[in-house]
Protein backbone atom coordinates (compact mmCIF):
# COMPACT_ATOMS: atom_id res chain seq x y z
CA MET A 1 0.00 0.00 0.00
CA SER A 2 1.16 3.54 -0.73
CA VAL A 3 -0.16 6.69 0.90
CA GLU A 4 0.60 10.20 -0.19
CA LYS A 5 -0.50 13.43 1.46
CA LYS A 6 -0.50 16.65 -0.53
CA LEU A 7 -1.09 20.08 0.90
CA LYS A 8 -1.94 22.94 -1.39
CA GLY A 9 -1.96 26.53 -0.28
CA LYS A 10 -3.91 29.13 -2.23
CA PHE A 11 -2.99 32.67 -1.20
CA LYS A 12 -4.95 35.69 -2.45
CA PRO A 13 -3.33 38.96 -1.35
CA LYS A 14 -5.66 41.90 -0.77
CA GLN A 15 -3.00 44.54 -0.07
CA SER A 16 -0.82 45.96 -2.81
CA GLY A 17 2.77 45.01 -2.20
CA THR A 18 1.97 41.71 -0.50
CA ALA A 19 2.17 39.66 -3.71
CA LYS A 20 5.70 40.88 -4.45
CA ASP A 21 6.85 40.53 -0.83
CA PHE A 22 5.38 37.02 -0.58
CA ALA A 23 6.87 35.91 -3.91
CA LEU A 24 10.30 37.09 -2.75
CA TYR A 25 9.81 35.20 0.55
CA LEU A 26 8.89 32.02 -1.36
CA ILE A 27 11.84 32.30 -3.73
CA GLY A 28 14.21 32.99 -0.84
CA ASN A 29 12.98 29.87 0.93
CA GLY A 30 13.23 27.62 -2.14
CA TYR A 31 9.51 27.14 -2.83
CA SER A 32 8.08 26.43 -6.28
CA PHE A 33 4.80 28.22 -6.85
CA SER A 34 2.43 29.48 -9.52
CA TYR A 35 1.43 33.13 -9.79
CA LYS A 36 -1.78 34.05 -11.59
CA GLU A 37 -3.33 37.46 -12.16
CA ASN A 38 -6.94 37.76 -13.34
CA GLU A 39 -6.93 40.07 -16.36
CA LYS A 40 -10.42 41.41 -15.66
CA THR A 41 -10.26 42.01 -11.90
CA GLY A 42 -6.53 42.24 -11.28
CA ASP A 43 -6.90 39.69 -8.44
CA ILE A 44 -3.74 37.69 -7.76
CA THR A 45 -3.57 34.05 -6.68
CA ILE A 46 -0.41 32.28 -5.56
CA ASP A 47 -0.60 28.47 -5.43
CA ILE A 48 1.98 26.41 -3.56
CA ASN A 49 2.31 22.71 -2.78
CA PHE A 50 3.69 21.82 0.65
CA GLU A 51 5.16 18.58 1.94
CA TYR A 52 4.44 19.24 5.62
CA ASP A 53 1.81 21.04 7.69
CA ALA A 54 4.53 23.05 9.44
CA LEU A 55 5.78 24.47 6.11
CA PHE A 56 2.25 25.59 5.24
CA GLU A 57 1.83 27.20 8.67
CA ASP A 58 5.15 29.06 8.31
CA ALA A 59 4.15 30.39 4.88
CA LYS A 60 0.69 31.37 6.13
CA GLN A 61 2.18 33.24 9.07
CA ALA A 62 4.58 35.11 6.74
CA PHE A 63 1.72 35.92 4.34
CA ASP A 64 -0.53 37.21 7.15
CA SER A 65 2.31 39.34 8.49
CA MET A 66 2.91 40.86 5.05
CA GLU A 67 -0.80 41.58 4.56
CA GLU A 68 -0.84 43.40 7.90
CA LYS A 69 2.36 45.33 7.11
CA ASN A 70 1.00 46.43 3.72
CA ASN A 71 -2.42 47.48 5.05
CA PRO A 72 -2.60 51.29 4.76
CA GLN A 73 -5.25 51.56 7.49
CA ILE A 74 -2.95 49.94 10.03
CA SER A 75 -0.14 52.31 9.02
CA ILE A 76 -2.36 55.32 9.72
CA PHE A 77 -3.17 54.06 13.22
CA GLU A 78 0.50 53.41 13.97
CA GLU A 79 1.46 56.96 12.92
CA GLU A 80 -1.16 58.47 15.27
CA ASN A 81 0.23 56.59 18.29
């Protein structure tokens, strides 16, 4: 018997700048991924296959951090404080 587990992450950045930052993170960490941009809406999707749950969690944490960093509303609040 042979068993194979595949994890696929589908990341859809909402903040401008996140797609580039995340792609650079993935390249720097040796990931293979596909990058697709919808011609009509401009929406970006980054698909990645992972071997382990921990690798997915690390990438998700990096992605979430980049989305937060690139959110202009958060930047405004930080400048006021």
